[in-house]
Amino acid sequence: MDHIQINIKSNKSKTMSKSKGLGDTIEKITKATGIKAVVEKVSEVTGKPCGCQQRRDTLNRVFPYDKK
């Protein structure tokens, strides 16, 4: 049981990191709702990459949260 609690705490700290832009926020939502796990499984079964990281990076670049 201690091992599970450690994993939950470490995942929570990763999830709570500050979003750089819209892509990070969407990634957090898809992780929290389980959508990301489903997409990863479909990607694994079909052998086609989901493109999640590239989409996240593009959205962060186009819609950043920092005010420059």
N, C-alpha and C. Protein backbone atom coordinates (compact mmCIF):
# COMPACT_ATOMS: atom_id res chain seq x y z
N MET A 1 0.82 -1.19 0.00
CA MET A 1 0.00 0.00 0.00
C MET A 1 0.87 1.25 0.00
N ASP A 2 2.01 1.23 0.69
CA ASP A 2 2.90 2.39 0.71
C ASP A 2 3.40 2.72 -0.68
N HIS A 3 3.68 1.69 -1.47
CA HIS A 3 4.18 1.92 -2.84
C HIS A 3 3.14 2.66 -3.68
N ILE A 4 1.89 2.29 -3.56
CA ILE A 4 0.83 2.96 -4.31
C ILE A 4 0.72 4.42 -3.88
N GLN A 5 0.79 4.68 -2.61
CA GLN A 5 0.71 6.06 -2.12
C GLN A 5 1.86 6.89 -2.63
N ILE A 6 3.04 6.33 -2.72
CA ILE A 6 4.20 7.07 -3.24
C ILE A 6 3.96 7.43 -4.70
N ASN A 7 3.45 6.49 -5.49
CA ASN A 7 3.18 6.77 -6.90
C ASN A 7 2.13 7.85 -7.08
N ILE A 8 1.10 7.81 -6.27
CA ILE A 8 0.04 8.81 -6.37
C ILE A 8 0.61 10.19 -6.05
N LYS A 9 1.42 10.28 -5.02
CA LYS A 9 2.01 11.57 -4.66
C LYS A 9 2.92 12.08 -5.76
N SER A 10 3.74 11.21 -6.35
CA SER A 10 4.65 11.68 -7.39
C SER A 10 3.90 12.09 -8.64
N ASN A 11 2.82 11.38 -8.99
CA ASN A 11 2.02 11.78 -10.14
C ASN A 11 1.33 13.11 -9.89
N LYS A 12 0.89 13.32 -8.67
CA LYS A 12 0.20 14.56 -8.34
C LYS A 12 1.15 15.75 -8.47
N SER A 13 2.38 15.59 -8.04
CA SER A 13 3.32 16.70 -8.13
C SER A 13 3.65 17.02 -9.58
N LYS A 14 3.72 16.01 -10.44
CA LYS A 14 3.98 16.25 -11.85
C LYS A 14 2.79 16.96 -12.49
N THR A 15 1.59 16.58 -12.12
CA THR A 15 0.39 17.16 -12.69
C THR A 15 0.23 18.62 -12.29
N MET A 16 0.73 18.98 -11.12
CA MET A 16 0.53 20.32 -10.61
C MET A 16 1.54 21.32 -11.15
N SER A 17 2.45 20.91 -12.03
CA SER A 17 3.41 21.86 -12.57
C SER A 17 2.69 22.93 -13.40
N LYS A 18 3.29 24.09 -13.47
CA LYS A 18 2.67 25.21 -14.15
C LYS A 18 2.65 24.99 -15.66
N SER A 19 1.53 25.25 -16.27
CA SER A 19 1.38 25.09 -17.71
C SER A 19 2.09 26.24 -18.42
N LYS A 20 2.82 25.90 -19.48
CA LYS A 20 3.49 26.90 -20.29
C LYS A 20 2.53 27.52 -21.30
N GLY A 21 1.50 26.75 -21.68
CA GLY A 21 0.53 27.23 -22.66
C GLY A 21 -0.65 26.29 -22.76
N LEU A 22 -1.47 26.50 -23.78
CA LEU A 22 -2.70 25.72 -23.97
C LEU A 22 -2.42 24.23 -24.11
N GLY A 23 -1.34 23.87 -24.76
CA GLY A 23 -1.02 22.45 -24.95
C GLY A 23 -0.84 21.71 -23.64
N ASP A 24 -0.16 22.33 -22.67
CA ASP A 24 0.04 21.71 -21.36
C ASP A 24 -1.29 21.54 -20.64
N THR A 25 -2.16 22.54 -20.74
CA THR A 25 -3.46 22.46 -20.08
C THR A 25 -4.30 21.34 -20.67
N ILE A 26 -4.31 21.22 -21.99
CA ILE A 26 -5.08 20.15 -22.63
C ILE A 26 -4.51 18.79 -22.23
N GLU A 27 -3.19 18.68 -22.14
CA GLU A 27 -2.58 17.41 -21.72
C GLU A 27 -3.03 17.05 -20.30
N LYS A 28 -3.06 18.02 -19.39
CA LYS A 28 -3.50 17.75 -18.02
C LYS A 28 -4.95 17.28 -17.98
N ILE A 29 -5.80 17.89 -18.80
CA ILE A 29 -7.21 17.51 -18.83
C ILE A 29 -7.37 16.09 -19.38
N THR A 30 -6.64 15.77 -20.45
CA THR A 30 -6.77 14.44 -21.03
C THR A 30 -6.21 13.36 -20.10
N LYS A 31 -5.19 13.70 -19.33
CA LYS A 31 -4.67 12.74 -18.34
C LYS A 31 -5.70 12.52 -17.23
N ALA A 32 -6.27 13.60 -16.73
CA ALA A 32 -7.21 13.52 -15.61
C ALA A 32 -8.49 12.78 -15.99
N THR A 33 -8.91 12.90 -17.24
CA THR A 33 -10.16 12.26 -17.66
C THR A 33 -9.95 10.85 -18.19
N GLY A 34 -8.70 10.44 -18.39
CA GLY A 34 -8.42 9.11 -18.91
C GLY A 34 -8.35 9.03 -20.42
N ILE A 35 -8.58 10.14 -21.08
CA ILE A 35 -8.54 10.16 -22.54
C ILE A 35 -7.14 9.82 -23.04
N LYS A 36 -6.13 10.35 -22.39
CA LYS A 36 -4.75 10.11 -22.82
C LYS A 36 -4.42 8.62 -22.78
N ALA A 37 -4.86 7.91 -21.76
CA ALA A 37 -4.59 6.48 -21.65
C ALA A 37 -5.25 5.71 -22.81
N VAL A 38 -6.46 6.10 -23.16
CA VAL A 38 -7.17 5.44 -24.26
C VAL A 38 -6.44 5.71 -25.58
N VAL A 39 -6.05 6.96 -25.80
CA VAL A 39 -5.34 7.32 -27.03
C VAL A 39 -4.02 6.56 -27.13
N GLU A 40 -3.29 6.47 -26.02
CA GLU A 40 -2.03 5.74 -26.03
C GLU A 40 -2.23 4.26 -26.34
N LYS A 41 -3.29 3.67 -25.81
CA LYS A 41 -3.58 2.25 -26.07
C LYS A 41 -3.95 2.04 -27.53
N VAL A 42 -4.78 2.92 -28.09
CA VAL A 42 -5.16 2.82 -29.50
C VAL A 42 -3.92 2.98 -30.37
N SER A 43 -3.07 3.92 -30.01
CA SER A 43 -1.83 4.14 -30.75
C SER A 43 -0.94 2.90 -30.72
N GLU A 44 -0.88 2.26 -29.56
CA GLU A 44 -0.08 1.05 -29.41
C GLU A 44 -0.64 -0.09 -30.26
N VAL A 45 -1.95 -0.26 -30.26
CA VAL A 45 -2.59 -1.34 -31.00
C VAL A 45 -2.48 -1.13 -32.52
N THR A 46 -2.69 0.11 -32.96
CA THR A 46 -2.67 0.39 -34.39
C THR A 46 -1.27 0.58 -34.94
N GLY A 47 -0.32 0.87 -34.06
CA GLY A 47 1.05 1.11 -34.50
C GLY A 47 1.25 2.50 -35.08
N LYS A 48 0.24 3.35 -34.93
CA LYS A 48 0.34 4.73 -35.45
C LYS A 48 0.57 5.68 -34.28
N PRO A 49 1.56 6.56 -34.41
CA PRO A 49 1.79 7.53 -33.32
C PRO A 49 0.63 8.51 -33.21
N CYS A 50 0.34 8.92 -31.99
CA CYS A 50 -0.80 9.83 -31.78
C CYS A 50 -0.44 11.27 -32.09
N GLY A 51 0.84 11.63 -32.00
CA GLY A 51 1.25 13.01 -32.25
C GLY A 51 0.96 13.94 -31.09
N CYS A 52 0.74 13.38 -29.92
CA CYS A 52 0.36 14.19 -28.75
C CYS A 52 1.43 15.20 -28.38
N GLN A 53 2.69 14.79 -28.35
CA GLN A 53 3.75 15.72 -27.95
C GLN A 53 3.91 16.86 -28.94
N GLN A 54 3.85 16.54 -30.23
CA GLN A 54 3.99 17.59 -31.24
C GLN A 54 2.82 18.57 -31.15
N ARG A 55 1.62 18.05 -30.95
CA ARG A 55 0.43 18.90 -30.83
C ARG A 55 0.55 19.79 -29.59
N ARG A 56 0.99 19.20 -28.47
CA ARG A 56 1.17 19.98 -27.24
C ARG A 56 2.18 21.10 -27.45
N ASP A 57 3.32 20.77 -28.06
CA ASP A 57 4.36 21.77 -28.29
C ASP A 57 3.88 22.88 -29.22
N THR A 58 3.15 22.52 -30.27
CA THR A 58 2.62 23.51 -31.20
C THR A 58 1.63 24.44 -30.50
N LEU A 59 0.71 23.86 -29.73
CA LEU A 59 -0.28 24.68 -29.01
C LEU A 59 0.40 25.58 -27.98
N ASN A 60 1.43 25.08 -27.32
CA ASN A 60 2.17 25.92 -26.36
C ASN A 60 2.85 27.09 -27.06
N ARG A 61 3.39 26.84 -28.24
CA ARG A 61 4.09 27.88 -28.98
C ARG A 61 3.10 28.93 -29.53
N VAL A 62 1.96 28.47 -30.04
CA VAL A 62 0.97 29.37 -30.63
C VAL A 62 0.16 30.11 -29.57
N PHE A 63 -0.14 29.43 -28.45
CA PHE A 63 -0.96 30.01 -27.38
C PHE A 63 -0.23 29.93 -26.03
N PRO A 64 0.88 30.68 -25.88
CA PRO A 64 1.60 30.66 -24.61
C PRO A 64 0.87 31.45 -23.54
N TYR A 65 1.14 31.10 -22.27
CA TYR A 65 0.52 31.82 -21.16
C TYR A 65 1.37 32.98 -20.67
N ASP A 66 2.65 32.99 -20.99
CA ASP A 66 3.48 34.10 -20.53
C ASP A 66 3.20 35.34 -21.36
N LYS A 67 3.27 36.47 -20.71
CA LYS A 67 2.99 37.75 -21.40
C LYS A 67 4.33 38.41 -21.72
N LYS A 68 4.74 38.28 -22.96
CA LYS A 68 6.03 38.83 -23.37
C LYS A 68 5.88 40.25 -23.82
